[in-house]
């Protein structure tokens, strides 16, 4: 896997995770507290975490060679 693909995968996963976390925290706060506030700290933390872990798992999965039978 090239560095360029790794960076593109990180940015893609980061963006999707950040958007989903923002929507979930906004809706959760609207339902529970009645206030429209976004928990940016948690959203960015999850986005960074998933942005690192998901491309790493995909890289590890693509490097595994099947056993010859």
PDB file of N, CA and C in Angstrom:
ATOM      1  N   UNK A   1       0.855  -1.175   0.000  1.00  0.00           N
ATOM      2  CA  UNK A   1       0.000   0.000   0.000  1.00  0.00           C
ATOM      3  C   UNK A   1       0.896   1.232   0.000  1.00  0.00           C
ATOM      4  N   UNK A   2       0.594   2.148  -0.854  1.00  0.00           N
ATOM      5  CA  UNK A   2       1.395   3.357  -0.937  1.00  0.00           C
ATOM      6  C   UNK A   2       0.954   4.367   0.111  1.00  0.00           C
ATOM      7  N   UNK A   3       1.832   5.305   0.350  1.00  0.00           N
ATOM      8  CA  UNK A   3       1.526   6.353   1.333  1.00  0.00           C
ATOM      9  C   UNK A   3       0.336   7.188   0.868  1.00  0.00           C
ATOM     10  N   UNK A   4       0.263   7.447  -0.441  1.00  0.00           N
ATOM     11  CA  UNK A   4      -0.835   8.253  -0.968  1.00  0.00           C
ATOM     12  C   UNK A   4      -2.185   7.582  -0.694  1.00  0.00           C
ATOM     13  N   UNK A   5      -2.273   6.266  -0.949  1.00  0.00           N
ATOM     14  CA  UNK A   5      -3.517   5.544  -0.698  1.00  0.00           C
ATOM     15  C   UNK A   5      -3.836   5.522   0.794  1.00  0.00           C
ATOM     16  N   UNK A   6      -2.818   5.380   1.620  1.00  0.00           N
ATOM     17  CA  UNK A   6      -3.017   5.379   3.066  1.00  0.00           C
ATOM     18  C   UNK A   6      -3.573   6.718   3.549  1.00  0.00           C
ATOM     19  N   UNK A   7      -3.045   7.814   3.015  1.00  0.00           N
ATOM     20  CA  UNK A   7      -3.526   9.148   3.396  1.00  0.00           C
ATOM     21  C   UNK A   7      -4.954   9.366   2.906  1.00  0.00           C
ATOM     22  N   UNK A   8      -5.240   8.929   1.690  1.00  0.00           N
ATOM     23  CA  UNK A   8      -6.602   9.076   1.151  1.00  0.00           C
ATOM     24  C   UNK A   8      -7.588   8.264   1.983  1.00  0.00           C
ATOM     25  N   UNK A   9      -7.206   7.037   2.350  1.00  0.00           N
ATOM     26  CA  UNK A   9      -8.071   6.214   3.195  1.00  0.00           C
ATOM     27  C   UNK A   9      -8.289   6.856   4.558  1.00  0.00           C
ATOM     28  N   UNK A  10      -7.220   7.407   5.152  1.00  0.00           N
ATOM     29  CA  UNK A  10      -7.351   8.070   6.452  1.00  0.00           C
ATOM     30  C   UNK A  10      -8.313   9.246   6.374  1.00  0.00           C
ATOM     31  N   UNK A  11      -8.126  10.088   5.372  1.00  0.00           N
ATOM     32  CA  UNK A  11      -8.975  11.285   5.242  1.00  0.00           C
ATOM     33  C   UNK A  11     -10.426  10.898   4.990  1.00  0.00           C
ATOM     34  N   UNK A  12     -10.644   9.876   4.181  1.00  0.00           N
ATOM     35  CA  UNK A  12     -12.014   9.432   3.886  1.00  0.00           C
ATOM     36  C   UNK A  12     -12.702   8.898   5.142  1.00  0.00           C
ATOM     37  N   UNK A  13     -12.024   8.008   5.852  1.00  0.00           N
ATOM     38  CA  UNK A  13     -12.605   7.446   7.078  1.00  0.00           C
ATOM     39  C   UNK A  13     -12.785   8.531   8.128  1.00  0.00           C
ATOM     40  N   UNK A  14     -11.820   9.447   8.246  1.00  0.00           N
ATOM     41  CA  UNK A  14     -11.909  10.548   9.199  1.00  0.00           C
ATOM     42  C   UNK A  14     -13.146  11.404   8.915  1.00  0.00           C
ATOM     43  N   UNK A  15     -13.329  11.788   7.662  1.00  0.00           N
ATOM     44  CA  UNK A  15     -14.451  12.659   7.306  1.00  0.00           C
ATOM     45  C   UNK A  15     -15.797  11.989   7.557  1.00  0.00           C
ATOM     46  N   UNK A  16     -15.926  10.736   7.141  1.00  0.00           N
ATOM     47  CA  UNK A  16     -17.202  10.026   7.330  1.00  0.00           C
ATOM     48  C   UNK A  16     -17.495   9.856   8.820  1.00  0.00           C
ATOM     49  N   UNK A  17     -16.489   9.453   9.584  1.00  0.00           N
ATOM     50  CA  UNK A  17     -16.683   9.253  11.021  1.00  0.00           C
ATOM     51  C   UNK A  17     -17.018  10.563  11.719  1.00  0.00           C
ATOM     52  N   UNK A  18     -16.350  11.639  11.337  1.00  0.00           N
ATOM     53  CA  UNK A  18     -16.627  12.939  11.958  1.00  0.00           C
ATOM     54  C   UNK A  18     -18.061  13.378  11.681  1.00  0.00           C
ATOM     55  N   UNK A  19     -18.510  13.224  10.457  1.00  0.00           N
ATOM     56  CA  UNK A  19     -19.879  13.631  10.105  1.00  0.00           C
ATOM     57  C   UNK A  19     -20.899  12.796  10.872  1.00  0.00           C
ATOM     58  N   UNK A  20     -20.683  11.480  10.931  1.00  0.00           N
ATOM     59  CA  UNK A  20     -21.627  10.607  11.639  1.00  0.00           C
ATOM     60  C   UNK A  20     -21.651  10.948  13.130  1.00  0.00           C
ATOM     61  N   UNK A  21     -20.489  11.138  13.741  1.00  0.00           N
ATOM     62  CA  UNK A  21     -20.438  11.466  15.175  1.00  0.00           C
ATOM     63  C   UNK A  21     -21.095  12.808  15.475  1.00  0.00           C
ATOM     64  N   UNK A  22     -20.891  13.774  14.596  1.00  0.00           N
ATOM     65  CA  UNK A  22     -21.519  15.081  14.800  1.00  0.00           C
ATOM     66  C   UNK A  22     -23.039  14.956  14.749  1.00  0.00           C
ATOM     67  N   UNK A  23     -23.550  14.220  13.777  1.00  0.00           N
ATOM     68  CA  UNK A  23     -24.998  14.045  13.652  1.00  0.00           C
ATOM     69  C   UNK A  23     -25.559  13.292  14.855  1.00  0.00           C
ATOM     70  N   UNK A  24     -24.861  12.239  15.284  1.00  0.00           N
ATOM     71  CA  UNK A  24     -25.342  11.447  16.420  1.00  0.00           C
ATOM     72  C   UNK A  24     -25.347  12.273  17.705  1.00  0.00           C
ATOM     73  N   UNK A  25     -24.277  13.027  17.977  1.00  0.00           N
ATOM     74  CA  UNK A  25     -24.262  13.828  19.205  1.00  0.00           C
ATOM     75  C   UNK A  25     -25.285  14.960  19.149  1.00  0.00           C
ATOM     76  N   UNK A  26     -25.480  15.539  17.968  1.00  0.00           N
ATOM     77  CA  UNK A  26     -26.486  16.597  17.835  1.00  0.00           C
ATOM     78  C   UNK A  26     -27.883  16.042  18.102  1.00  0.00           C
ATOM     79  N   UNK A  27     -28.221  14.917  17.475  1.00  0.00           N
ATOM     80  CA  UNK A  27     -29.550  14.335  17.679  1.00  0.00           C
ATOM     81  C   UNK A  27     -29.728  13.826  19.105  1.00  0.00           C
ATOM     82  N   UNK A  28     -28.683  13.249  19.674  1.00  0.00           N
ATOM     83  CA  UNK A  28     -28.762  12.785  21.056  1.00  0.00           C
ATOM     84  C   UNK A  28     -29.017  13.926  22.031  1.00  0.00           C
ATOM     85  N   UNK A  29     -28.318  15.027  21.832  1.00  0.00           N
ATOM     86  CA  UNK A  29     -28.537  16.182  22.711  1.00  0.00           C
ATOM     87  C   UNK A  29     -29.900  16.823  22.485  1.00  0.00           C
ATOM     88  N   UNK A  30     -30.374  16.806  21.251  1.00  0.00           N
ATOM     89  CA  UNK A  30     -31.714  17.344  20.994  1.00  0.00           C
ATOM     90  C   UNK A  30     -32.787  16.501  21.677  1.00  0.00           C
ATOM     91  N   UNK A  31     -32.646  15.190  21.599  1.00  0.00           N
ATOM     92  CA  UNK A  31     -33.652  14.302  22.183  1.00  0.00           C
ATOM     93  C   UNK A  31     -33.591  14.325  23.709  1.00  0.00           C
ATOM     94  N   UNK A  32     -32.390  14.208  24.272  1.00  0.00           N
ATOM     95  CA  UNK A  32     -32.255  14.077  25.724  1.00  0.00           C
ATOM     96  C   UNK A  32     -32.366  15.416  26.440  1.00  0.00           C
ATOM     97  N   UNK A  33     -31.634  16.424  25.945  1.00  0.00           N
ATOM     98  CA  UNK A  33     -31.556  17.700  26.678  1.00  0.00           C
ATOM     99  C   UNK A  33     -32.402  18.808  26.063  1.00  0.00           C
ATOM    100  N   UNK A  34     -32.844  18.628  24.846  1.00  0.00           N
ATOM    101  CA  UNK A  34     -33.632  19.667  24.192  1.00  0.00           C
ATOM    102  C   UNK A  34     -32.783  20.828  23.708  1.00  0.00           C
ATOM    103  N   UNK A  35     -31.482  20.665  23.659  1.00  0.00           N
ATOM    104  CA  UNK A  35     -30.580  21.719  23.203  1.00  0.00           C
ATOM    105  C   UNK A  35     -29.758  21.192  22.029  1.00  0.00           C
ATOM    106  N   UNK A  36     -29.544  22.052  21.060  1.00  0.00           N
ATOM    107  CA  UNK A  36     -28.775  21.624  19.886  1.00  0.00           C
ATOM    108  C   UNK A  36     -27.295  21.951  20.086  1.00  0.00           C
ATOM    109  N   UNK A  37     -26.603  21.032  20.730  1.00  0.00           N
ATOM    110  CA  UNK A  37     -25.164  21.211  20.927  1.00  0.00           C
ATOM    111  C   UNK A  37     -24.435  19.978  20.410  1.00  0.00           C
ATOM    112  N   UNK A  38     -23.228  20.209  19.899  1.00  0.00           N
ATOM    113  CA  UNK A  38     -22.419  19.138  19.323  1.00  0.00           C
ATOM    114  C   UNK A  38     -21.208  18.930  20.215  1.00  0.00           C
ATOM    115  N   UNK A  39     -20.904  17.681  20.512  1.00  0.00           N
ATOM    116  CA  UNK A  39     -19.726  17.345  21.312  1.00  0.00           C
ATOM    117  C   UNK A  39     -18.550  17.163  20.358  1.00  0.00           C
ATOM    118  N   UNK A  40     -17.840  18.258  20.065  1.00  0.00           N
ATOM    119  CA  UNK A  40     -16.746  18.229  19.105  1.00  0.00           C
ATOM    120  C   UNK A  40     -15.568  17.395  19.599  1.00  0.00           C
ATOM    121  N   UNK A  41     -15.327  17.428  20.912  1.00  0.00           N
ATOM    122  CA  UNK A  41     -14.189  16.691  21.456  1.00  0.00           C
ATOM    123  C   UNK A  41     -14.324  15.196  21.186  1.00  0.00           C
ATOM    124  N   UNK A  42     -15.479  14.647  21.486  1.00  0.00           N
ATOM    125  CA  UNK A  42     -15.715  13.230  21.259  1.00  0.00           C
ATOM    126  C   UNK A  42     -15.744  12.912  19.767  1.00  0.00           C
ATOM    127  N   UNK A  43     -16.340  13.767  18.970  1.00  0.00           N
ATOM    128  CA  UNK A  43     -16.445  13.521  17.533  1.00  0.00           C
ATOM    129  C   UNK A  43     -15.069  13.466  16.875  1.00  0.00           C
ATOM    130  N   UNK A  44     -14.208  14.418  17.204  1.00  0.00           N
ATOM    131  CA  UNK A  44     -12.866  14.441  16.614  1.00  0.00           C
ATOM    132  C   UNK A  44     -12.042  13.268  17.131  1.00  0.00           C
ATOM    133  N   UNK A  45     -12.199  12.941  18.410  1.00  0.00           N
ATOM    134  CA  UNK A  45     -11.457  11.818  18.982  1.00  0.00           C
ATOM    135  C   UNK A  45     -11.816  10.505  18.278  1.00  0.00           C
ATOM    136  N   UNK A  46     -13.111  10.246  18.085  1.00  0.00           N
ATOM    137  CA  UNK A  46     -13.528   9.040  17.377  1.00  0.00           C
ATOM    138  C   UNK A  46     -13.049   9.052  15.929  1.00  0.00           C
ATOM    139  N   UNK A  47     -13.119  10.209  15.274  1.00  0.00           N
ATOM    140  CA  UNK A  47     -12.709  10.298  13.874  1.00  0.00           C
ATOM    141  C   UNK A  47     -11.218   9.998  13.719  1.00  0.00           C
ATOM    142  N   UNK A  48     -10.379  10.522  14.605  1.00  0.00           N
ATOM    143  CA  UNK A  48      -8.944  10.235  14.547  1.00  0.00           C
ATOM    144  C   UNK A  48      -8.693   8.760  14.803  1.00  0.00           C
ATOM    145  N   UNK A  49      -9.359   8.220  15.810  1.00  0.00           N
ATOM    146  CA  UNK A  49      -9.168   6.812  16.154  1.00  0.00           C
ATOM    147  C   UNK A  49      -9.545   5.894  14.991  1.00  0.00           C
ATOM    148  N   UNK A  50     -10.734   6.080  14.446  1.00  0.00           N
ATOM    149  CA  UNK A  50     -11.165   5.239  13.339  1.00  0.00           C
ATOM    150  C   UNK A  50     -10.360   5.523  12.078  1.00  0.00           C
ATOM    151  N   UNK A  51      -9.921   6.775  11.884  1.00  0.00           N
ATOM    152  CA  UNK A  51      -9.098   7.120  10.730  1.00  0.00           C
ATOM    153  C   UNK A  51      -7.768   6.400  10.738  1.00  0.00           C
ATOM    154  N   UNK A  52      -7.254   6.071  11.903  1.00  0.00           N
ATOM    155  CA  UNK A  52      -5.995   5.331  12.010  1.00  0.00           C
ATOM    156  C   UNK A  52      -6.247   3.825  11.946  1.00  0.00           C
ATOM    157  N   UNK A  53      -7.232   3.348  12.685  1.00  0.00           N
ATOM    158  CA  UNK A  53      -7.433   1.907  12.830  1.00  0.00           C
ATOM    159  C   UNK A  53      -7.968   1.248  11.564  1.00  0.00           C
ATOM    160  N   UNK A  54      -8.954   1.815  10.917  1.00  0.00           N
ATOM    161  CA  UNK A  54      -9.580   1.164   9.762  1.00  0.00           C
ATOM    162  C   UNK A  54      -8.599   0.997   8.593  1.00  0.00           C
ATOM    163  N   UNK A  55      -7.843   2.031   8.179  1.00  0.00           N
ATOM    164  CA  UNK A  55      -6.853   1.788   7.112  1.00  0.00           C
ATOM    165  C   UNK A  55      -5.767   0.797   7.527  1.00  0.00           C
ATOM    166  N   UNK A  56      -5.388   0.795   8.793  1.00  0.00           N
ATOM    167  CA  UNK A  56      -4.380  -0.142   9.271  1.00  0.00           C
ATOM    168  C   UNK A  56      -4.886  -1.577   9.157  1.00  0.00           C
ATOM    169  N   UNK A  57      -6.142  -1.809   9.538  1.00  0.00           N
ATOM    170  CA  UNK A  57      -6.726  -3.148   9.433  1.00  0.00           C
ATOM    171  C   UNK A  57      -6.814  -3.563   7.966  1.00  0.00           C
ATOM    172  N   UNK A  58      -7.219  -2.655   7.094  1.00  0.00           N
ATOM    173  CA  UNK A  58      -7.300  -2.975   5.665  1.00  0.00           C
ATOM    174  C   UNK A  58      -5.923  -3.312   5.101  1.00  0.00           C
ATOM    175  N   UNK A  59      -4.896  -2.609   5.546  1.00  0.00           N
ATOM    176  CA  UNK A  59      -3.537  -2.907   5.098  1.00  0.00           C
ATOM    177  C   UNK A  59      -3.111  -4.282   5.577  1.00  0.00           C
ATOM    178  N   UNK A  60      -3.379  -4.595   6.831  1.00  0.00           N
ATOM    179  CA  UNK A  60      -3.031  -5.906   7.373  1.00  0.00           C
ATOM    180  C   UNK A  60      -3.806  -7.015   6.662  1.00  0.00           C
ATOM    181  N   UNK A  61      -5.057  -6.763   6.352  1.00  0.00           N
ATOM    182  CA  UNK A  61      -5.886  -7.761   5.690  1.00  0.00           C
ATOM    183  C   UNK A  61      -5.394  -8.027   4.262  1.00  0.00           C
ATOM    184  N   UNK A  62      -4.930  -6.996   3.561  1.00  0.00           N
ATOM    185  CA  UNK A  62      -4.466  -7.184   2.190  1.00  0.00           C
ATOM    186  C   UNK A  62      -3.086  -7.834   2.126  1.00  0.00           C
ATOM    187  N   UNK A  63      -2.309  -7.774   3.212  1.00  0.00           N
ATOM    188  CA  UNK A  63      -0.977  -8.383   3.225  1.00  0.00           C
ATOM    189  C   UNK A  63      -0.995  -9.869   3.573  1.00  0.00           C
ATOM    190  N   UNK A  64      -2.132 -10.394   4.007  1.00  0.00           N
ATOM    191  CA  UNK A  64      -2.231 -11.812   4.353  1.00  0.00           C
ATOM    192  C   UNK A  64      -2.388 -12.617   3.065  1.00  0.00           C
ATOM    193  N   UNK A  65      -1.496 -13.578   2.889  1.00  0.00           N
ATOM    194  CA  UNK A  65      -1.579 -14.428   1.715  1.00  0.00           C
ATOM    195  C   UNK A  65      -2.299 -15.715   2.090  1.00  0.00           C
ATOM    196  N   UNK A  66      -3.186 -16.180   1.227  1.00  0.00           N
ATOM    197  CA  UNK A  66      -3.892 -17.428   1.547  1.00  0.00           C
ATOM    198  C   UNK A  66      -2.948 -18.619   1.480  1.00  0.00           C
ATOM    199  N   UNK A  67      -3.221 -19.621   2.280  1.00  0.00           N
ATOM    200  CA  UNK A  67      -2.412 -20.825   2.305  1.00  0.00           C
ATOM    201  C   UNK A  67      -2.654 -21.655   1.039  1.00  0.00           C
ATOM    202  N   UNK A  68      -1.595 -22.186   0.511  1.00  0.00           N
ATOM    203  CA  UNK A  68      -1.731 -23.038  -0.673  1.00  0.00           C
ATOM    204  C   UNK A  68      -2.264 -24.398  -0.248  1.00  0.00           C
ATOM    205  N   UNK A  69      -3.223 -24.910  -0.990  1.00  0.00           N
ATOM    206  CA  UNK A  69      -3.788 -26.203  -0.625  1.00  0.00           C
ATOM    207  C   UNK A  69      -3.330 -27.309  -1.527  1.00  0.00           C
TER     208      UNK A  69
END
